[in-house]
Protein backbone atom coordinates (compact mmCIF):
# COMPACT_ATOMS: atom_id res chain seq x y z
CA UNK A 1 259.26 153.40 25.19
CA UNK A 2 262.70 152.78 23.64
CA UNK A 3 262.64 150.80 20.38
CA UNK A 4 265.27 149.00 18.41
CA UNK A 5 266.96 151.57 16.25
CA UNK A 6 267.44 148.89 13.45
CA UNK A 7 263.75 148.29 13.32
CA UNK A 8 264.28 144.58 13.93
CA UNK A 9 262.97 144.59 17.57
CA UNK A 10 259.65 143.54 18.99
CA UNK A 11 257.49 144.44 21.91
CA UNK A 12 255.62 141.97 24.20
CA UNK A 13 253.60 141.73 27.39
CA UNK A 14 255.11 139.04 29.87
CA UNK A 15 253.06 136.90 32.02
CA UNK A 16 254.47 139.01 34.91
CA UNK A 17 252.57 142.01 33.58
CA UNK A 18 255.64 143.94 32.25
CA UNK A 19 255.57 145.31 28.85
CA UNK A 20 258.99 145.12 27.32
CA UNK A 21 260.71 146.17 24.10
CA UNK A 22 263.43 143.87 22.68
CA UNK A 23 266.07 144.23 20.15
CA UNK A 24 266.57 141.61 17.43
CA UNK A 25 268.63 139.42 19.84
CA UNK A 26 265.99 139.75 22.58
CA UNK A 27 267.88 142.04 24.82
CA UNK A 28 265.50 144.20 26.79
CA UNK A 29 265.63 147.80 25.65
CA UNK A 30 262.96 149.22 27.78
CA UNK A 31 260.20 147.95 30.30
CA UNK A 32 257.24 149.16 32.05
CA UNK A 33 255.02 147.42 34.63
CA UNK A 34 251.44 147.52 33.79
CA UNK A 35 248.48 147.55 36.26
CA UNK A 36 245.60 145.05 35.83
CA UNK A 37 243.42 147.67 33.92
CA UNK A 38 246.34 148.48 31.58
CA UNK A 39 246.89 144.73 30.92
CA UNK A 40 243.10 144.20 29.99
CA UNK A 41 243.44 147.38 27.89
CA UNK A 42 246.48 145.98 26.03
CA UNK A 43 244.48 142.90 25.07
CA UNK A 44 241.73 145.17 23.79
CA UNK A 45 238.82 142.76 23.87
CA UNK A 46 240.82 139.71 23.08
CA UNK A 47 240.72 136.78 25.45
CA UNK A 48 243.13 137.43 28.33
CA UNK A 49 245.40 134.44 29.13
CA UNK A 50 244.57 132.88 32.48
CA UNK A 51 248.06 133.74 33.86
CA UNK A 52 247.45 137.56 33.23
CA UNK A 53 244.21 137.75 35.04
CA UNK A 54 246.10 138.18 38.29
CA UNK A 55 249.24 139.82 36.96
CA UNK A 56 250.35 143.29 38.19
CA UNK A 57 253.59 144.47 36.64
CA UNK A 58 253.95 147.30 39.10
CA UNK A 59 255.07 144.60 41.67
CA UNK A 60 257.96 143.50 39.55
CA UNK A 61 261.45 144.73 40.57
CA UNK A 62 263.50 146.89 38.06
CA UNK A 63 266.07 144.14 37.96
CA UNK A 64 263.40 141.56 36.99
CA UNK A 65 262.04 143.88 34.43
CA UNK A 66 265.35 144.11 32.54
CA UNK A 67 266.49 140.51 33.29
CA UNK A 68 263.13 138.51 32.90
CA UNK A 69 262.68 134.76 33.06
CA UNK A 70 262.79 133.02 29.69
CA UNK A 71 258.91 132.73 29.69
CA UNK A 72 258.69 136.46 29.72
CA UNK A 73 260.99 137.05 26.79
CA UNK A 74 259.42 137.38 23.23
CA UNK A 75 259.95 134.56 21.06
CA UNK A 76 262.59 134.63 18.22
CA UNK A 77 261.13 133.65 15.02
CA UNK A 78 262.93 131.13 12.63
CA UNK A 79 263.42 132.11 9.08
CA UNK A 80 260.58 129.70 8.13
CA UNK A 81 258.27 131.32 10.54
CA UNK A 82 259.23 134.77 9.30
CA UNK A 83 258.55 133.66 5.78
CA UNK A 84 255.11 132.39 6.74
CA UNK A 85 254.28 135.62 8.62
CA UNK A 86 255.35 137.71 5.55
CA UNK A 87 253.17 135.53 3.21
CA UNK A 88 250.24 136.07 5.55
CA UNK A 89 250.65 139.68 5.79
CA UNK A 90 250.87 140.02 1.98
CA UNK A 91 247.64 137.98 1.65
CA UNK A 92 246.02 140.23 4.32
CA UNK A 93 247.23 143.35 2.48
CA UNK A 94 245.58 142.08 -0.69
CA UNK A 95 242.41 142.01 1.27
CA UNK A 96 243.03 145.54 2.58
CA UNK A 97 243.90 144.62 6.11
CA UNK A 98 246.85 146.51 7.64
CA UNK A 99 249.36 144.19 9.28
CA UNK A 100 252.78 144.33 10.73
CA UNK A 101 255.53 144.91 8.22
CA UNK A 102 259.01 143.70 9.58
CA UNK A 103 261.79 146.19 9.28
CA UNK A 104 259.49 149.23 8.67
CA UNK A 105 258.63 151.86 11.36
CA UNK A 106 255.00 152.91 11.78
CA UNK A 107 255.98 156.16 9.88
CA UNK A 108 256.97 153.98 6.90
CA UNK A 109 253.73 151.91 7.03
CA UNK A 110 254.76 149.27 9.49
CA UNK A 111 252.88 148.37 12.79
CA UNK A 112 253.03 150.41 15.80
CA UNK A 113 253.25 147.29 17.94
């Protein structure tokens, strides 16, 4: 999938079953509709939100994939939220747990997500 070249983007699975990548301003860069098995695999054993249990992204039009409803757009974090996330990531790193590192690619030690 296409990624934000500045490294400030995010990916997210919408309630419609579409996996999207966004730039920092939450413009859709790429999108793919997942089938129910892929949606369950995306959650990899975590509790699946009720609304996703019947989602099938293969049924979403290309237009809706790239122009989603607000509920299917990844949240933009405030500076305060970013600071909390960074602090938590640093604490986890001290424990030896790999976390998402904003602004770094997976090749530089950031998250692949």
